Each structure stands twice: as structure tokens, then as C-alpha cells.
Amino acid sequence: MMKRAKKIEFRVTHTEYFIIQNKALKSGNSISEFLRNTALDYPLTYKLTEDEILAYRQLSQYADNFRRIGNLFKLGDTTGVKEACIETTKLIRNHLNKLK
């Protein structure tokens, strides 16, 4: 990647500054990254928060559990299906209780 050596400055109102700053924060980028990506029509990269990363990990765990349940159905293991469903249900309920 080439070194960024040139600097561009422009004036904005107080309100415009806060709007730009807010949009940059929401996208997880610095103001410079946000303005550069917007001006050059680059896709805005979104940086996940720690809470969002945790939520995706939990969803991945649920997906694994449901995949196992599907495999048990294919094998005809109804006892295993019941146990896996109960385990997955408890896991989901525990995480939902944290939101209360």
C-alpha cells in the first residue's frame, strides 16, 4: 500500500462536523477513513463491536447445534434429537435471559 502523504482540508459547520463524526463512528471508522471511502466510492468497512462479535459467536454455536439435530434426524436417532433440542433450547433461553 502506498504511503498517504497528501493532506486535504476543508471547512464544515459545527453541525456538519457532528453529522460526519456520528456517521464515521457508526461505521466504525475514523473520520478520515469514512470521508476517504465515501469520496472514492470504496465500500465502507464496518468494524464489529465486542457485543456484536459475541452475538455472532453465539449464533454460530446455535447453528452447529441445529446442524447436529438435523444429522440426528437423518440417522433416525429420536432420543438424540430430543436431547439436542433441549440443550439448544436451554442455551438460547440462557442468552435471552441476559437481555432482560
Protein backbone atom coordinates (compact mmCIF):
# COMPACT_ATOMS: atom_id res chain seq x y z
CA MET A 1 0.00 0.00 0.00
CA MET A 2 1.26 3.43 -0.85
CA LYS A 3 2.02 5.88 1.94
CA ARG A 4 -0.54 8.62 2.34
CA ALA A 5 1.48 11.81 2.11
CA LYS A 6 -1.03 14.40 0.91
CA LYS A 7 -3.47 16.16 3.20
CA ILE A 8 -6.79 17.66 2.18
CA GLU A 9 -8.57 20.14 4.42
CA PHE A 10 -12.00 21.68 4.07
CA ARG A 11 -14.30 23.67 6.27
CA VAL A 12 -17.62 22.47 7.63
CA THR A 13 -20.16 23.93 10.00
CA HIS A 14 -20.35 22.77 13.59
CA THR A 15 -23.47 20.74 12.74
CA GLU A 16 -21.89 19.19 9.64
CA TYR A 17 -18.87 18.18 11.69
CA PHE A 18 -21.01 16.34 14.24
CA ILE A 19 -23.05 14.63 11.50
CA ILE A 20 -19.86 13.41 9.79
CA GLN A 21 -18.35 12.36 13.10
CA ASN A 22 -21.51 10.44 14.06
CA LYS A 23 -21.64 8.62 10.71
CA ALA A 24 -17.95 7.72 10.98
CA LEU A 25 -18.44 6.36 14.49
CA LYS A 26 -21.48 4.33 13.43
CA SER A 27 -19.49 2.78 10.60
CA GLY A 28 -16.62 2.01 12.96
CA ASN A 29 -14.17 4.17 11.01
CA SER A 30 -12.18 7.29 11.77
CA ILE A 31 -13.40 10.50 10.15
CA SER A 32 -10.51 10.32 7.64
CA GLU A 33 -11.31 6.72 6.68
CA PHE A 34 -15.01 7.50 6.41
CA LEU A 35 -14.53 10.58 4.19
CA ARG A 36 -11.89 8.89 2.02
CA ASN A 37 -14.01 5.79 1.46
CA THR A 38 -17.13 7.86 0.78
CA ALA A 39 -15.38 10.24 -1.63
CA LEU A 40 -13.69 7.43 -3.56
CA ASP A 41 -16.79 5.20 -3.63
CA TYR A 42 -14.96 2.49 -1.70
CA PRO A 43 -17.14 0.18 0.34
CA LEU A 44 -17.36 1.28 3.93
CA THR A 45 -15.86 -1.34 6.19
CA TYR A 46 -17.88 -1.90 9.30
CA LYS A 47 -15.97 -2.87 12.44
CA LEU A 48 -17.97 -5.05 14.80
CA THR A 49 -18.31 -4.14 18.46
CA GLU A 50 -17.40 -6.68 21.15
CA ASP A 51 -21.12 -7.28 21.77
CA GLU A 52 -21.73 -7.97 18.08
CA ILE A 53 -18.79 -10.38 17.93
CA LEU A 54 -20.17 -12.22 20.96
CA ALA A 55 -23.63 -12.39 19.36
CA TYR A 56 -22.19 -13.85 16.14
CA ARG A 57 -20.27 -16.46 18.13
CA GLN A 58 -23.46 -17.45 19.92
CA LEU A 59 -25.36 -17.66 16.64
CA SER A 60 -22.60 -19.86 15.24
CA GLN A 61 -22.95 -22.14 18.26
CA TYR A 62 -26.71 -22.35 17.68
CA ALA A 63 -26.15 -23.16 14.01
CA ASP A 64 -23.82 -26.01 15.00
CA ASN A 65 -26.42 -27.37 17.40
CA PHE A 66 -29.18 -27.25 14.79
CA ARG A 67 -26.88 -28.94 12.28
CA ARG A 68 -26.29 -31.76 14.78
CA ILE A 69 -30.05 -32.06 15.32
CA GLY A 70 -30.55 -32.35 11.56
CA ASN A 71 -27.91 -35.07 11.37
CA LEU A 72 -29.57 -36.97 14.19
CA PHE A 73 -32.87 -36.82 12.28
CA LYS A 74 -31.14 -38.29 9.23
CA LEU A 75 -29.78 -41.14 11.36
CA GLY A 76 -33.21 -41.77 12.93
CA ASP A 77 -31.89 -41.14 16.46
CA THR A 78 -35.01 -39.66 18.08
CA THR A 79 -33.55 -39.83 21.61
CA GLY A 80 -30.51 -37.82 20.48
CA VAL A 81 -32.78 -35.33 18.68
CA LYS A 82 -34.80 -34.74 21.85
CA GLU A 83 -31.68 -34.24 24.00
CA ALA A 84 -30.05 -31.93 21.44
CA CYS A 85 -33.25 -29.85 21.14
CA ILE A 86 -33.50 -29.48 24.93
CA GLU A 87 -29.82 -28.50 25.17
CA THR A 88 -30.16 -25.93 22.39
CA THR A 89 -33.36 -24.53 23.90
CA LYS A 90 -31.64 -24.08 27.28
CA LEU A 91 -28.69 -22.38 25.62
CA ILE A 92 -30.95 -19.92 23.79
CA ARG A 93 -33.04 -19.27 26.93
CA ASN A 94 -29.91 -18.53 29.00
CA HIS A 95 -28.71 -15.99 26.46
CA LEU A 96 -32.13 -14.36 26.15
CA ASN A 97 -32.34 -14.04 29.97
CA LYS A 98 -29.15 -11.97 29.87
CA LEU A 99 -31.01 -9.38 27.78
CA LYS A 100 -33.69 -8.78 30.43
